[in-house]
Every structure is written in C-alpha cells, then in structure tokens.
Amino acid sequence: MELALAIFNVGAGIGLLAVGAAVAYLAWRLTPLVAETRALTRDLRRLARTTETELLPLLDRAREVTRSAEVLTDDAAVKVARLAEAVDVLDEIARRPVTAAPYPGEVGPIESTETPEERWDR
C-alpha cells in the first residue's frame, strides 16, 4: 500500500509540475498579449478623450445650424403666405370686370390745318 501511495504521490507531483510548467509557459506566451491589451486600452482612452473634445464643438455647430434652418424655414413660410395673399388679391382683381374710362380726347392746337378725322386716319 505504501508503494501505491508513493507511486500516486510521484505521479501527482509530476502532474502538478506539468501543470505548473504549462501555466508558466502560457503566462510567458500571454505576456505580449497583455502588453498589447494595455496599449489598446490606453489608445482607446486617448481616442475617447479626443473624440469628446472634437465632437462636442461639432455637435454644438450642428445644433446652431439646425436652429438657423428652423428660422429660415419660418421666414420662408411667412414669405410664402404673403405671396399667396398677393396672388389671391391679383386673382380677385382679375375677376372684376374691366371698365374703361372714357377717352378724354386729344387736345391739340386750336388752329390746326387738319381735321380730327385726318389725324385718326394715319
């Protein structure tokens, strides 16, 4: 029984040594990955700060442009309404019957050698 226990202890020791060696090997292989992950994290933080500092002015400008567009749209709506009113007035004027004022006649010199009929024949 002691022989079996000794064999088991040796086997377990070799197994633990193998696991330890494998963990050490994996840690050694993963060290560059951990360093790259830290570098990526630093780059992401820097990118987030840069995006925040550059994006906020762009968003403010977009809000300002949107407000200006709303004002222009309101102005255009007012002008279109005025144009519609003017067109309505012109339509109303066009519907009225046209009455011509009497022709006042041509006033010319009193001592004309021509008669009024001759002047109209030309």
Protein backbone atom coordinates (compact mmCIF):
# COMPACT_ATOMS: atom_id res chain seq x y z
CA MET A 1 0.00 0.00 0.00
CA GLU A 2 2.86 2.29 0.72
CA LEU A 3 4.23 1.56 -2.72
CA ALA A 4 0.94 2.53 -4.29
CA LEU A 5 0.82 5.69 -2.22
CA ALA A 6 4.39 6.55 -3.20
CA ILE A 7 3.62 5.96 -6.90
CA PHE A 8 0.50 8.09 -6.55
CA ASN A 9 2.46 10.88 -4.87
CA VAL A 10 5.15 10.78 -7.56
CA GLY A 11 2.51 10.80 -10.30
CA ALA A 12 0.61 13.63 -8.66
CA GLY A 13 3.86 15.58 -8.21
CA ILE A 14 4.78 15.07 -11.85
CA GLY A 15 1.25 16.10 -12.86
CA LEU A 16 1.41 19.23 -10.71
CA LEU A 17 4.85 20.01 -12.12
CA ALA A 18 3.48 19.59 -15.64
CA VAL A 19 0.51 21.85 -14.83
CA GLY A 20 2.85 24.44 -13.29
CA ALA A 21 5.11 24.30 -16.34
CA ALA A 22 2.10 24.67 -18.65
CA VAL A 23 0.81 27.65 -16.66
CA ALA A 24 4.26 29.25 -16.71
CA TYR A 25 4.52 28.63 -20.47
CA LEU A 26 1.05 30.13 -21.06
CA ALA A 27 1.90 33.15 -18.88
CA TRP A 28 5.12 33.63 -20.83
CA ARG A 29 3.21 33.37 -24.17
CA LEU A 30 0.41 35.66 -22.98
CA THR A 31 2.70 38.43 -21.71
CA PRO A 32 2.86 40.19 -25.13
CA LEU A 33 -0.91 39.88 -25.44
CA VAL A 34 -1.36 41.52 -22.04
CA ALA A 35 1.01 44.33 -23.04
CA GLU A 36 -0.87 44.84 -26.33
CA THR A 37 -4.17 44.85 -24.46
CA ARG A 38 -2.88 47.55 -22.12
CA ALA A 39 -1.63 49.59 -25.08
CA LEU A 40 -5.00 49.21 -26.80
CA THR A 41 -6.75 50.31 -23.62
CA ARG A 42 -4.54 53.42 -23.45
CA ASP A 43 -5.24 54.14 -27.13
CA LEU A 44 -8.97 53.73 -26.61
CA ARG A 45 -8.93 56.12 -23.66
CA ARG A 46 -6.97 58.67 -25.69
CA LEU A 47 -9.34 58.22 -28.61
CA ALA A 48 -12.35 58.70 -26.34
CA ARG A 49 -10.88 61.92 -24.93
CA THR A 50 -10.03 63.20 -28.40
CA THR A 51 -13.46 62.29 -29.72
CA GLU A 52 -15.11 64.06 -26.82
CA THR A 53 -13.06 67.22 -27.28
CA GLU A 54 -13.58 67.31 -31.05
CA LEU A 55 -17.13 66.01 -31.20
CA LEU A 56 -18.66 68.46 -28.74
CA PRO A 57 -17.89 71.54 -30.89
CA LEU A 58 -19.22 69.71 -33.93
CA LEU A 59 -22.44 68.88 -32.11
CA ASP A 60 -22.78 72.49 -30.96
CA ARG A 61 -22.30 73.67 -34.55
CA ALA A 62 -24.89 71.16 -35.77
CA ARG A 63 -27.37 72.46 -33.19
CA GLU A 64 -26.70 76.02 -34.32
CA VAL A 65 -27.19 75.10 -37.97
CA THR A 66 -30.42 73.32 -37.09
CA ARG A 67 -31.71 76.40 -35.26
CA SER A 68 -30.75 78.59 -38.22
CA ALA A 69 -32.52 76.24 -40.60
CA GLU A 70 -35.65 76.42 -38.45
CA VAL A 71 -35.54 80.23 -38.54
CA LEU A 72 -35.06 80.21 -42.31
CA THR A 73 -37.93 77.77 -42.70
CA ASP A 74 -40.18 80.01 -40.62
CA ASP A 75 -39.15 83.05 -42.69
CA ALA A 76 -39.82 81.14 -45.90
CA ALA A 77 -43.24 80.11 -44.61
CA VAL A 78 -44.09 83.75 -43.86
CA LYS A 79 -42.95 84.82 -47.33
CA VAL A 80 -44.94 82.04 -48.98
CA ALA A 81 -48.01 83.11 -47.02
CA ARG A 82 -47.51 86.72 -48.17
CA LEU A 83 -47.06 85.54 -51.75
CA ALA A 84 -50.27 83.52 -51.51
CA GLU A 85 -52.11 86.60 -50.23
CA ALA A 86 -50.73 88.66 -53.13
CA VAL A 87 -51.80 86.01 -55.64
CA ASP A 88 -55.28 85.95 -54.09
CA VAL A 89 -55.51 89.72 -54.42
CA LEU A 90 -54.37 89.53 -58.05
CA ASP A 91 -56.93 86.79 -58.75
CA GLU A 92 -59.65 88.93 -57.22
CA ILE A 93 -58.59 91.89 -59.33
CA ALA A 94 -58.53 89.70 -62.44
CA ARG A 95 -62.12 88.55 -61.76
CA ARG A 96 -63.51 92.08 -61.63
CA PRO A 97 -64.99 93.41 -64.87
CA VAL A 98 -62.78 95.84 -66.67
CA THR A 99 -64.35 99.23 -67.12
CA ALA A 100 -62.62 101.60 -69.46
CA ALA A 101 -62.59 105.26 -68.69
CA PRO A 102 -63.94 107.50 -71.43
CA TYR A 103 -61.32 108.70 -73.84
CA PRO A 104 -60.60 112.27 -72.94
CA GLY A 105 -59.78 113.18 -76.50
CA GLU A 106 -56.69 114.70 -77.87
CA VAL A 107 -56.13 118.28 -77.10
CA GLY A 108 -54.20 119.91 -79.84
CA PRO A 109 -53.63 123.35 -81.15
CA ILE A 110 -56.74 125.24 -81.90
CA GLU A 111 -55.51 126.48 -85.25
CA SER A 112 -54.80 123.14 -86.83
CA THR A 113 -54.89 122.68 -90.55
CA GLU A 114 -56.00 119.09 -90.10
CA THR A 115 -59.34 117.91 -89.01
CA PRO A 116 -59.57 115.37 -86.16
CA GLU A 117 -60.64 112.65 -88.62
CA GLU A 118 -57.47 113.12 -90.66
CA ARG A 119 -55.35 112.69 -87.57
CA TRP A 120 -57.02 109.35 -86.80
CA ASP A 121 -56.59 108.03 -90.32
CA ARG A 122 -52.87 107.96 -90.14
